[in-house]
Amino acid sequence: MNQRLLEGYILSMPNSRLDYPFGEGVAVYKVPVGSEEKMFAIIQEGKLPLQVSLKCDPQLAELLREKYETVLPGYHLNKKHWNTLILSGQLPWEEVQALILHSYNLVAGV
């Protein structure tokens, strides 16, 4: 998996956009929520293997951490509501896509 594929899927979410509020190297993907924009995905650029942080329902977050050694509490984020996925191949692409959609839906209120 590469960043272009990952980013393409993230940006396919309705009204999503890329921003760099934390500076170069930290790609933040946001969606409008009311009069604000809220982040639903973060990629640490230049890291190998590729990593993405996603918002997650707390119960699901715990289950995923138990099931996969490459799913960790959110790096520099609220550990209860965010997971960081290390995309080394353990998680199938379809599951990564489902988790991106889950994060988007949680944040966008879909």
Protein backbone atom coordinates (compact mmCIF):
# COMPACT_ATOMS: atom_id res chain seq x y z
CA MET A 1 0.00 0.00 0.00
CA ASN A 2 1.23 3.50 -0.75
CA GLN A 3 0.28 6.98 0.37
CA ARG A 4 -1.24 7.93 -2.99
CA LEU A 5 -3.73 5.03 -2.83
CA LEU A 6 -4.55 5.75 0.82
CA GLU A 7 -4.93 9.48 0.25
CA GLY A 8 -7.06 8.94 -2.84
CA TYR A 9 -9.53 6.87 -0.86
CA ILE A 10 -9.59 9.34 2.05
CA LEU A 11 -10.22 12.27 -0.30
CA SER A 12 -13.03 10.34 -2.02
CA MET A 13 -15.16 10.97 1.07
CA PRO A 14 -17.71 13.72 0.36
CA ASN A 15 -16.42 17.26 1.04
CA SER A 16 -13.13 16.01 2.49
CA ARG A 17 -10.00 18.07 2.06
CA LEU A 18 -6.30 17.96 2.88
CA ASP A 19 -4.70 20.46 5.26
CA TYR A 20 -1.37 20.88 7.07
CA PRO A 21 -2.31 22.64 10.36
CA PHE A 22 0.55 20.94 12.24
CA GLY A 23 3.17 21.78 9.62
CA GLU A 24 4.87 19.95 6.81
CA GLY A 25 4.88 16.17 7.05
CA VAL A 26 1.58 15.74 8.88
CA ALA A 27 -1.27 15.43 6.39
CA VAL A 28 -4.63 16.10 8.04
CA TYR A 29 -7.88 15.20 6.30
CA LYS A 30 -10.91 17.21 7.34
CA VAL A 31 -14.61 17.40 6.67
CA PRO A 32 -17.00 20.32 7.30
CA VAL A 33 -19.20 19.86 10.36
CA GLY A 34 -21.54 22.79 10.88
CA SER A 35 -19.45 25.95 10.77
CA GLU A 36 -16.21 24.08 11.59
CA GLU A 37 -13.93 21.57 9.94
CA LYS A 38 -13.04 18.45 11.88
CA MET A 39 -10.27 15.97 11.19
CA PHE A 40 -11.05 12.33 10.52
CA ALA A 41 -7.68 11.03 9.28
CA ILE A 42 -4.01 11.89 9.75
CA ILE A 43 -1.00 10.54 7.84
CA GLN A 44 2.56 10.97 9.09
CA GLU A 45 4.24 11.54 5.73
CA GLY A 46 7.57 9.88 5.01
CA LYS A 47 7.12 7.11 7.62
CA LEU A 48 7.66 3.52 6.56
CA PRO A 49 5.62 1.50 6.94
CA LEU A 50 2.83 3.93 6.18
CA GLN A 51 0.69 4.93 9.18
CA VAL A 52 -2.74 6.49 9.38
CA SER A 53 -4.62 7.66 12.45
CA LEU A 54 -8.40 7.38 12.38
CA LYS A 55 -11.24 8.23 14.73
CA CYS A 56 -12.96 5.10 16.03
CA ASP A 57 -15.81 4.05 18.28
CA PRO A 58 -14.12 3.27 21.63
CA GLN A 59 -15.42 -0.31 21.86
CA LEU A 60 -14.39 -1.10 18.29
CA ALA A 61 -11.02 0.57 18.90
CA GLU A 62 -10.31 -1.85 21.76
CA LEU A 63 -11.40 -4.88 19.73
CA LEU A 64 -9.15 -3.88 16.83
CA ARG A 65 -6.17 -3.38 19.16
CA GLU A 66 -6.71 -6.85 20.59
CA LYS A 67 -7.10 -8.45 17.16
CA TYR A 68 -4.20 -6.73 15.33
CA GLU A 69 -0.75 -5.91 16.65
CA THR A 70 -0.54 -3.17 14.01
CA VAL A 71 -3.49 -1.24 15.46
CA LEU A 72 -2.30 1.02 18.28
CA PRO A 73 -3.83 3.76 20.42
CA GLY A 74 -3.80 7.06 18.50
CA TYR A 75 -0.35 8.62 18.30
CA HIS A 76 -0.51 12.08 19.95
CA LEU A 77 -4.32 11.80 20.00
CA ASN A 78 -7.08 10.86 22.42
CA LYS A 79 -6.29 7.17 23.00
CA LYS A 80 -9.94 6.33 23.67
CA HIS A 81 -11.28 7.69 20.38
CA TRP A 82 -8.37 7.33 17.93
CA ASN A 83 -6.34 4.42 16.55
CA THR A 84 -3.11 4.52 14.59
CA LEU A 85 -2.92 1.81 11.95
CA ILE A 86 0.51 0.65 10.84
CA LEU A 87 -0.07 -0.42 7.24
CA SER A 88 2.46 -3.23 6.99
CA GLY A 89 0.09 -5.72 5.36
CA GLN A 90 -1.55 -7.28 8.42
CA LEU A 91 -4.77 -5.31 7.86
CA PRO A 92 -6.47 -6.08 4.53
CA TRP A 93 -7.10 -3.05 2.29
CA GLU A 94 -10.87 -3.64 2.53
CA GLU A 95 -10.70 -3.34 6.32
CA VAL A 96 -8.59 -0.18 6.09
CA GLN A 97 -11.20 1.28 3.73
CA ALA A 98 -14.00 0.32 6.15
CA LEU A 99 -12.16 1.99 9.04
CA ILE A 100 -11.63 5.18 7.02
CA LEU A 101 -15.35 5.26 6.21
CA HIS A 102 -16.16 4.56 9.89
CA SER A 103 -13.95 7.49 10.96
CA TYR A 104 -15.49 9.79 8.36
CA ASN A 105 -19.03 8.82 9.40
CA LEU A 106 -18.28 9.39 13.09
CA VAL A 107 -16.89 12.85 12.44
CA ALA A 108 -19.29 13.95 9.71
CA GLY A 109 -22.29 12.66 11.67
CA VAL A 110 -23.50 10.52 8.79
